Structures are given as C-alpha cells and as structure tokens.
C-alpha cells in the first residue's frame, strides 16, 4: 500500500472501516494479509490477523538492507578468512557474504570457491596436511523460527 494512502487513512476518523474496505478490495485473499497500524508504545490503532505467522514478503529485504547499511556502513566488505592452524589443519571463517552463492558469477557457486582457493594458494598454501575446519561461530543455529 502506498505510504500516502496509509497516511490519509491514519488521519481518517474511520480508520478501521477504511482499512477493512481496502483489504476486502485487494486482489490478495484477506486470510493472506496481516496488518498492524500504530505507534510504538501505544495500543494499535488497527489490527487484521496481525498475530498470524507469516513468511516475510520481499519488503522485509528493504528493512534488512536499511538496517545493515546503518549498522555496517555502505563501504562494509564481508570477509572470508582462511588461516593455517598449528596442527596442520586449514581454518575457514566466513561472515555470511551473500555473494558466496555464485549469483553474481553466472550462478557458478564453484567459481567463488575457485577464487578463494586461488587466493589461498597465492599465500603459499599448496597442500593441507590435516583437515579443513569450518568456523561457523558467527552464526546461530536457529534455522527455522519456533513459530
């Protein structure tokens, strides 16, 4: 919904009826729409299935990107660190680089790994005596929300 429509509705004395009417006229079935309108710290002005569990829509990406830009800054670079460990193992610690998927190199995720391997070789590592140790300590283990 465009922000100007929402703003106009919030000024209306019949907010509930206006929003109900908009939801009913939407091409999206009412059961698939969740709306919560209000100000932080105040009771909500309008609720429509607001407690239904939902998979966030694409708009969620906008909020996530805005938060990341504010916290990390526009020049932030994700780092994948590869280190030789004293026991002959090779350690890899990633930070969640979204480009690691290969989506920006023609969908070839292996190409990303080949670049990483080339960088490691350029640092003088030609063989790994031990194991490849992946450090995932930057990430939690909650893959699915409990609800």
N, C-alpha and C. Protein backbone atom coordinates (compact mmCIF):
# COMPACT_ATOMS: atom_id res chain seq x y z
N UNK A 1 0.85 -1.16 0.00
CA UNK A 1 0.00 0.00 0.00
C UNK A 1 0.90 1.23 0.00
N UNK A 2 0.66 2.19 -0.89
CA UNK A 2 1.48 3.40 -0.90
C UNK A 2 1.38 4.14 0.43
N UNK A 3 2.49 4.76 0.82
CA UNK A 3 2.54 5.46 2.11
C UNK A 3 1.51 6.58 2.18
N UNK A 4 1.23 7.24 1.06
CA UNK A 4 0.26 8.35 1.10
C UNK A 4 -1.14 7.85 1.42
N UNK A 5 -1.48 6.63 0.95
CA UNK A 5 -2.80 6.09 1.28
C UNK A 5 -2.86 5.78 2.77
N UNK A 6 -1.80 5.15 3.28
CA UNK A 6 -1.77 4.82 4.70
C UNK A 6 -1.84 6.09 5.54
N UNK A 7 -1.10 7.12 5.15
CA UNK A 7 -1.12 8.38 5.89
C UNK A 7 -2.51 8.98 5.89
N UNK A 8 -3.17 8.97 4.74
CA UNK A 8 -4.52 9.53 4.65
C UNK A 8 -5.48 8.74 5.53
N UNK A 9 -5.32 7.43 5.56
CA UNK A 9 -6.20 6.61 6.38
C UNK A 9 -6.00 6.87 7.86
N UNK A 10 -4.75 7.11 8.25
CA UNK A 10 -4.48 7.35 9.67
C UNK A 10 -5.10 8.66 10.14
N UNK A 11 -5.35 9.58 9.22
CA UNK A 11 -5.99 10.85 9.57
C UNK A 11 -7.50 10.73 9.56
N UNK A 12 -8.02 9.65 9.00
CA UNK A 12 -9.46 9.45 8.89
C UNK A 12 -10.05 9.05 10.24
N UNK A 13 -11.25 9.54 10.55
CA UNK A 13 -11.90 9.14 11.81
C UNK A 13 -12.38 7.68 11.76
N UNK A 14 -12.45 7.09 10.58
CA UNK A 14 -12.94 5.72 10.46
C UNK A 14 -11.83 4.80 9.95
N UNK A 15 -10.70 4.81 10.63
CA UNK A 15 -9.54 4.04 10.19
C UNK A 15 -9.88 2.57 9.99
N UNK A 16 -10.54 1.96 10.96
CA UNK A 16 -10.85 0.53 10.86
C UNK A 16 -11.67 0.22 9.61
N UNK A 17 -12.73 0.97 9.38
CA UNK A 17 -13.60 0.71 8.23
C UNK A 17 -12.85 0.92 6.93
N UNK A 18 -12.03 1.96 6.86
CA UNK A 18 -11.27 2.23 5.63
C UNK A 18 -10.29 1.11 5.33
N UNK A 19 -9.56 0.65 6.34
CA UNK A 19 -8.59 -0.42 6.12
C UNK A 19 -9.29 -1.73 5.81
N UNK A 20 -10.39 -2.02 6.51
CA UNK A 20 -11.15 -3.24 6.20
C UNK A 20 -11.62 -3.23 4.75
N UNK A 21 -12.08 -2.08 4.29
CA UNK A 21 -12.56 -1.95 2.91
C UNK A 21 -11.41 -2.17 1.92
N UNK A 22 -10.25 -1.58 2.20
CA UNK A 22 -9.09 -1.77 1.32
C UNK A 22 -8.66 -3.23 1.26
N UNK A 23 -8.63 -3.88 2.41
CA UNK A 23 -8.25 -5.30 2.46
C UNK A 23 -9.26 -6.13 1.68
N UNK A 24 -10.54 -5.85 1.84
CA UNK A 24 -11.58 -6.60 1.14
C UNK A 24 -11.48 -6.41 -0.37
N UNK A 25 -11.10 -5.23 -0.83
CA UNK A 25 -11.00 -4.95 -2.28
C UNK A 25 -9.68 -5.44 -2.88
N UNK A 26 -8.75 -5.82 -2.04
CA UNK A 26 -7.44 -6.26 -2.52
C UNK A 26 -7.57 -7.54 -3.34
N UNK A 27 -6.66 -7.73 -4.27
CA UNK A 27 -6.63 -8.97 -5.05
C UNK A 27 -6.03 -10.12 -4.25
N UNK A 28 -5.45 -9.80 -3.11
CA UNK A 28 -4.87 -10.82 -2.23
C UNK A 28 -5.96 -11.27 -1.26
N UNK A 29 -6.18 -12.58 -1.11
CA UNK A 29 -7.20 -13.04 -0.16
C UNK A 29 -6.94 -12.49 1.25
N UNK A 30 -8.00 -12.08 1.92
CA UNK A 30 -7.90 -11.47 3.25
C UNK A 30 -7.13 -12.34 4.23
N UNK A 31 -7.27 -13.66 4.11
CA UNK A 31 -6.59 -14.57 5.03
C UNK A 31 -5.07 -14.53 4.85
N UNK A 32 -4.59 -13.98 3.74
CA UNK A 32 -3.15 -13.92 3.49
C UNK A 32 -2.57 -12.55 3.80
N UNK A 33 -3.38 -11.66 4.36
CA UNK A 33 -2.95 -10.29 4.66
C UNK A 33 -2.88 -10.10 6.17
N UNK A 34 -1.77 -9.55 6.64
CA UNK A 34 -1.64 -9.18 8.05
C UNK A 34 -1.28 -7.71 8.11
N UNK A 35 -1.99 -6.97 8.97
CA UNK A 35 -1.74 -5.54 9.09
C UNK A 35 -1.75 -5.17 10.57
N UNK A 36 -0.79 -4.35 10.95
CA UNK A 36 -0.77 -3.76 12.29
C UNK A 36 -0.40 -2.29 12.09
N UNK A 37 -1.28 -1.41 12.54
CA UNK A 37 -1.05 0.03 12.40
C UNK A 37 -1.05 0.65 13.78
N UNK A 38 -0.03 1.43 14.06
CA UNK A 38 0.03 2.09 15.35
C UNK A 38 1.37 2.75 15.56
N UNK A 39 1.54 3.31 16.74
CA UNK A 39 2.79 3.96 17.12
C UNK A 39 3.42 3.17 18.25
N UNK A 40 4.74 3.15 18.26
CA UNK A 40 5.46 2.41 19.30
C UNK A 40 5.04 2.91 20.68
N UNK A 41 4.79 1.99 21.58
CA UNK A 41 4.44 2.34 22.94
C UNK A 41 2.96 2.65 23.15
N UNK A 42 2.17 2.63 22.07
CA UNK A 42 0.73 2.90 22.18
C UNK A 42 -0.04 1.67 21.71
N UNK A 43 -1.29 1.54 22.17
CA UNK A 43 -2.09 0.42 21.67
C UNK A 43 -2.29 0.55 20.16
N UNK A 44 -2.35 -0.56 19.44
CA UNK A 44 -2.52 -0.49 17.99
C UNK A 44 -3.82 0.20 17.60
N UNK A 45 -3.77 0.99 16.53
CA UNK A 45 -4.96 1.65 16.01
C UNK A 45 -5.79 0.69 15.17
N UNK A 46 -5.11 -0.30 14.57
CA UNK A 46 -5.82 -1.25 13.70
C UNK A 46 -5.03 -2.55 13.65
N UNK A 47 -5.75 -3.67 13.73
CA UNK A 47 -5.14 -4.99 13.59
C UNK A 47 -5.99 -5.84 12.65
N UNK A 48 -5.33 -6.53 11.75
CA UNK A 48 -6.01 -7.51 10.91
C UNK A 48 -5.10 -8.72 10.81
N UNK A 49 -5.47 -9.79 11.50
CA UNK A 49 -4.69 -11.03 11.51
C UNK A 49 -3.21 -10.75 11.83
N UNK A 50 -2.98 -9.80 12.69
CA UNK A 50 -1.61 -9.35 13.00
C UNK A 50 -0.78 -10.41 13.72
N UNK A 51 -1.42 -11.37 14.37
CA UNK A 51 -0.68 -12.40 15.09
C UNK A 51 -0.45 -13.67 14.27
N UNK A 52 -0.93 -13.67 13.03
CA UNK A 52 -0.71 -14.84 12.18
C UNK A 52 0.77 -14.92 11.80
N UNK A 53 1.33 -16.13 11.90
CA UNK A 53 2.73 -16.33 11.49
C UNK A 53 2.81 -16.19 9.97
N UNK A 54 3.78 -15.43 9.52
CA UNK A 54 3.95 -15.19 8.08
C UNK A 54 5.41 -15.34 7.68
N UNK A 55 5.62 -15.70 6.43
CA UNK A 55 6.96 -15.63 5.86
C UNK A 55 7.07 -14.20 5.33
N UNK A 56 8.07 -13.44 5.78
CA UNK A 56 8.15 -12.02 5.38
C UNK A 56 8.19 -11.87 3.86
N UNK A 57 7.49 -10.87 3.40
CA UNK A 57 7.47 -10.57 1.97
C UNK A 57 8.77 -9.90 1.55
N UNK A 58 8.88 -9.66 0.28
CA UNK A 58 10.10 -9.04 -0.26
C UNK A 58 10.38 -7.69 0.39
N UNK A 59 9.35 -7.02 0.86
CA UNK A 59 9.56 -5.73 1.52
C UNK A 59 10.44 -5.86 2.75
N UNK A 60 10.47 -7.05 3.35
CA UNK A 60 11.32 -7.28 4.52
C UNK A 60 12.78 -7.06 4.16
N UNK A 61 13.13 -7.37 2.89
CA UNK A 61 14.51 -7.19 2.45
C UNK A 61 14.91 -5.72 2.50
N UNK A 62 13.97 -4.84 2.25
CA UNK A 62 14.25 -3.40 2.30
C UNK A 62 14.64 -3.00 3.72
N UNK A 63 13.88 -3.47 4.70
CA UNK A 63 14.18 -3.15 6.10
C UNK A 63 15.52 -3.75 6.52
N UNK A 64 15.77 -4.99 6.09
CA UNK A 64 17.04 -5.64 6.43
C UNK A 64 18.21 -4.88 5.82
N UNK A 65 18.08 -4.49 4.55
CA UNK A 65 19.16 -3.75 3.88
C UNK A 65 19.39 -2.40 4.55
N UNK A 66 18.30 -1.71 4.91
CA UNK A 66 18.44 -0.41 5.57
C UNK A 66 19.16 -0.56 6.92
N UNK A 67 18.80 -1.59 7.68
CA UNK A 67 19.45 -1.81 8.98
C UNK A 67 20.93 -2.15 8.77
N UNK A 68 21.23 -2.99 7.79
CA UNK A 68 22.62 -3.36 7.53
C UNK A 68 23.44 -2.15 7.11
N UNK A 69 22.87 -1.30 6.24
CA UNK A 69 23.59 -0.09 5.82
C UNK A 69 23.85 0.83 7.00
N UNK A 70 22.86 0.97 7.87
CA UNK A 70 23.02 1.86 9.02
C UNK A 70 24.07 1.33 10.00
N UNK A 71 24.05 0.03 10.24
CA UNK A 71 24.96 -0.55 11.22
C UNK A 71 26.36 -0.76 10.66
N UNK A 72 26.45 -1.30 9.43
CA UNK A 72 27.76 -1.66 8.87
C UNK A 72 28.35 -0.58 7.98
N UNK A 73 27.51 0.28 7.43
CA UNK A 73 28.00 1.33 6.54
C UNK A 73 28.07 0.84 5.10
N UNK A 74 28.05 1.78 4.18
CA UNK A 74 27.98 1.42 2.76
C UNK A 74 29.28 0.83 2.21
N UNK A 75 30.38 1.02 2.90
CA UNK A 75 31.65 0.50 2.41
C UNK A 75 32.06 -0.81 3.07
N UNK A 76 31.15 -1.41 3.85
CA UNK A 76 31.46 -2.66 4.55
C UNK A 76 31.75 -3.77 3.54
N UNK A 77 32.75 -4.55 3.82
CA UNK A 77 33.10 -5.70 3.00
C UNK A 77 33.05 -6.96 3.87
N UNK A 78 32.31 -7.94 3.43
CA UNK A 78 32.31 -9.23 4.12
C UNK A 78 33.67 -9.88 3.90
N UNK A 79 34.14 -10.58 4.91
CA UNK A 79 35.45 -11.22 4.82
C UNK A 79 35.31 -12.71 5.04
N UNK A 80 36.00 -13.46 4.23
CA UNK A 80 36.14 -14.89 4.45
C UNK A 80 37.62 -15.10 4.74
N UNK A 81 37.93 -15.51 5.94
CA UNK A 81 39.33 -15.65 6.36
C UNK A 81 39.74 -17.12 6.29
N UNK A 82 40.90 -17.34 5.75
CA UNK A 82 41.48 -18.68 5.70
C UNK A 82 42.82 -18.59 6.43
N UNK A 83 43.00 -19.47 7.43
CA UNK A 83 44.22 -19.42 8.23
C UNK A 83 44.79 -20.84 8.40
N UNK A 84 46.12 -20.90 8.44
CA UNK A 84 46.78 -22.17 8.76
C UNK A 84 46.73 -22.33 10.27
N UNK A 85 46.25 -23.44 10.71
CA UNK A 85 46.19 -23.73 12.14
C UNK A 85 47.44 -24.51 12.52
N UNK A 86 47.89 -24.40 13.76
CA UNK A 86 49.16 -25.02 14.15
C UNK A 86 49.20 -26.53 14.02
N UNK A 87 48.05 -27.19 14.00
CA UNK A 87 48.03 -28.65 13.95
C UNK A 87 47.98 -29.20 12.52
N UNK A 88 48.27 -28.37 11.53
CA UNK A 88 48.25 -28.82 10.13
C UNK A 88 46.90 -28.67 9.46
N UNK A 89 45.93 -28.23 10.23
CA UNK A 89 44.60 -28.01 9.67
C UNK A 89 44.53 -26.64 9.00
N UNK A 90 43.56 -26.47 8.14
CA UNK A 90 43.30 -25.19 7.49
C UNK A 90 41.94 -24.71 7.97
N UNK A 91 41.91 -23.52 8.55
CA UNK A 91 40.66 -22.98 9.08
C UNK A 91 40.03 -21.96 8.14
N UNK A 92 38.71 -22.02 8.02
CA UNK A 92 37.96 -21.07 7.20
C UNK A 92 36.87 -20.47 8.08
N UNK A 93 36.86 -19.12 8.13
CA UNK A 93 35.84 -18.42 8.90
C UNK A 93 35.15 -17.41 8.00
N UNK A 94 33.88 -17.62 7.75
CA UNK A 94 33.11 -16.71 6.92
C UNK A 94 32.25 -15.79 7.76
N UNK A 95 31.79 -14.72 7.12
CA UNK A 95 30.93 -13.74 7.80
C UNK A 95 29.55 -13.67 7.18
N UNK A 96 29.21 -14.63 6.32
CA UNK A 96 27.88 -14.62 5.74
C UNK A 96 27.76 -13.81 4.47
N UNK A 97 28.81 -13.75 3.69
CA UNK A 97 28.79 -12.99 2.44
C UNK A 97 27.67 -13.51 1.54
N UNK A 98 26.68 -12.65 1.25
CA UNK A 98 25.57 -13.12 0.41
C UNK A 98 26.00 -13.41 -1.03
N UNK A 99 27.16 -12.96 -1.44
CA UNK A 99 27.65 -13.22 -2.79
C UNK A 99 28.31 -14.58 -2.90
N UNK A 100 28.47 -15.28 -1.79
CA UNK A 100 29.13 -16.58 -1.80
C UNK A 100 28.30 -17.63 -2.54
N UNK A 101 27.09 -17.30 -2.87
CA UNK A 101 26.19 -18.24 -3.54
C UNK A 101 26.55 -18.44 -5.01
N UNK A 102 27.26 -17.52 -5.59
CA UNK A 102 27.58 -17.61 -7.00
C UNK A 102 26.61 -16.82 -7.87
N UNK A 103 25.64 -16.17 -7.25
CA UNK A 103 24.61 -15.46 -8.02
C UNK A 103 25.19 -14.34 -8.86
N UNK A 104 26.33 -13.79 -8.50
CA UNK A 104 26.92 -12.69 -9.27
C UNK A 104 28.05 -13.15 -10.19
N UNK A 105 28.20 -14.46 -10.31
CA UNK A 105 29.20 -15.02 -11.24
C UNK A 105 28.52 -16.07 -12.11
N UNK A 106 27.39 -15.70 -12.66
CA UNK A 106 26.68 -16.58 -13.57
C UNK A 106 26.09 -17.82 -12.93
N UNK A 107 25.84 -17.78 -11.62
CA UNK A 107 25.24 -18.92 -10.93
C UNK A 107 26.22 -20.05 -10.63
N UNK A 108 27.50 -19.82 -10.86
CA UNK A 108 28.52 -20.85 -10.65
C UNK A 108 29.11 -20.70 -9.25
N UNK A 109 28.49 -21.35 -8.26
CA UNK A 109 28.97 -21.25 -6.88
C UNK A 109 30.39 -21.81 -6.75
N UNK A 110 30.74 -22.78 -7.58
CA UNK A 110 32.09 -23.35 -7.54
C UNK A 110 33.12 -22.30 -7.95
N UNK A 111 32.73 -21.34 -8.78
CA UNK A 111 33.66 -20.30 -9.20
C UNK A 111 34.11 -19.47 -8.00
N UNK A 112 33.19 -19.22 -7.09
CA UNK A 112 33.52 -18.48 -5.87
C UNK A 112 34.58 -19.25 -5.08
N UNK A 113 34.40 -20.57 -4.99
CA UNK A 113 35.36 -21.41 -4.26
C UNK A 113 36.70 -21.46 -4.99
N UNK A 114 36.67 -21.49 -6.31
CA UNK A 114 37.93 -21.49 -7.07
C UNK A 114 38.71 -20.20 -6.83
N UNK A 115 38.01 -19.08 -6.76
CA UNK A 115 38.67 -17.80 -6.47
C UNK A 115 39.30 -17.84 -5.07
N UNK A 116 38.55 -18.38 -4.11
CA UNK A 116 39.06 -18.48 -2.75
C UNK A 116 40.29 -19.39 -2.72
N UNK A 117 40.22 -20.53 -3.40
CA UNK A 117 41.36 -21.46 -3.44
C UNK A 117 42.57 -20.80 -4.09
N UNK A 118 42.36 -20.01 -5.14
CA UNK A 118 43.47 -19.32 -5.80
C UNK A 118 44.12 -18.31 -4.85
N UNK A 119 43.28 -17.60 -4.08
CA UNK A 119 43.83 -16.64 -3.10
C UNK A 119 44.63 -17.35 -2.02
N UNK A 120 44.14 -18.50 -1.57
CA UNK A 120 44.85 -19.27 -0.53
C UNK A 120 46.18 -19.77 -1.09
N UNK A 121 46.16 -20.26 -2.31
CA UNK A 121 47.41 -20.74 -2.95
C UNK A 121 48.41 -19.59 -3.11
N UNK A 122 47.91 -18.41 -3.44
CA UNK A 122 48.79 -17.25 -3.60
C UNK A 122 49.47 -16.89 -2.28
N UNK A 123 48.90 -17.31 -1.16
CA UNK A 123 49.51 -17.06 0.16
C UNK A 123 50.51 -18.15 0.53
N UNK A 124 50.71 -19.10 -0.39
CA UNK A 124 51.73 -20.12 -0.14
C UNK A 124 51.20 -21.46 0.30
N UNK A 125 49.91 -21.63 0.43
CA UNK A 125 49.35 -22.92 0.85
C UNK A 125 49.11 -23.76 -0.41
N UNK A 126 49.87 -24.85 -0.53
CA UNK A 126 49.72 -25.72 -1.70
C UNK A 126 49.13 -27.08 -1.33
N UNK A 127 49.15 -27.40 -0.04
CA UNK A 127 48.58 -28.66 0.43
C UNK A 127 48.13 -28.48 1.88
N UNK A 128 47.13 -29.24 2.27
CA UNK A 128 46.64 -29.21 3.64
C UNK A 128 46.97 -30.57 4.26
N UNK A 129 47.81 -30.53 5.29
CA UNK A 129 48.23 -31.76 5.95
C UNK A 129 47.10 -32.38 6.76
N UNK A 130 46.29 -31.54 7.36
CA UNK A 130 45.23 -32.03 8.24
C UNK A 130 43.86 -31.91 7.60
N UNK A 131 42.96 -31.34 8.36
CA UNK A 131 41.57 -31.22 7.94
C UNK A 131 41.22 -29.77 7.57
N UNK A 132 40.12 -29.62 6.88
CA UNK A 132 39.55 -28.31 6.62
C UNK A 132 38.56 -28.06 7.76
N UNK A 133 38.82 -27.02 8.55
CA UNK A 133 38.00 -26.73 9.72
C UNK A 133 37.17 -25.48 9.44
N UNK A 134 35.85 -25.63 9.41
CA UNK A 134 34.97 -24.51 9.15
C UNK A 134 34.50 -23.91 10.46
N UNK A 135 34.72 -22.63 10.63
CA UNK A 135 34.33 -21.91 11.84
C UNK A 135 33.02 -21.20 11.57
N UNK A 136 31.93 -21.69 12.14
CA UNK A 136 30.62 -21.10 11.94
C UNK A 136 30.16 -20.35 13.19
N UNK A 137 31.10 -19.93 14.03
CA UNK A 137 30.75 -19.30 15.31
C UNK A 137 30.06 -17.94 15.14
N UNK A 138 30.14 -17.33 13.97
CA UNK A 138 29.46 -16.05 13.73
C UNK A 138 27.95 -16.22 13.56
N UNK A 139 27.48 -17.45 13.43
CA UNK A 139 26.08 -17.72 13.13
C UNK A 139 25.41 -18.48 14.25
N UNK A 140 24.11 -18.24 14.40
CA UNK A 140 23.37 -19.03 15.38
C UNK A 140 22.91 -20.32 14.69
N UNK A 141 22.26 -21.18 15.45
CA UNK A 141 21.80 -22.43 14.87
C UNK A 141 20.28 -22.49 14.76
N UNK A 142 19.63 -21.32 14.80
CA UNK A 142 18.18 -21.26 14.65
C UNK A 142 17.85 -21.09 13.16
N UNK A 143 17.68 -22.19 12.48
CA UNK A 143 17.41 -22.16 11.03
C UNK A 143 15.95 -21.86 10.74
N UNK A 144 15.07 -22.23 11.67
CA UNK A 144 13.64 -22.01 11.48
C UNK A 144 13.10 -21.36 12.74
N UNK A 145 12.28 -20.32 12.56
CA UNK A 145 11.65 -19.65 13.71
C UNK A 145 10.76 -20.65 14.44
N UNK A 146 10.75 -20.63 15.77
CA UNK A 146 9.97 -21.64 16.50
C UNK A 146 8.47 -21.57 16.24
N UNK A 147 7.97 -20.46 15.74
CA UNK A 147 6.54 -20.37 15.44
C UNK A 147 6.27 -20.72 14.00
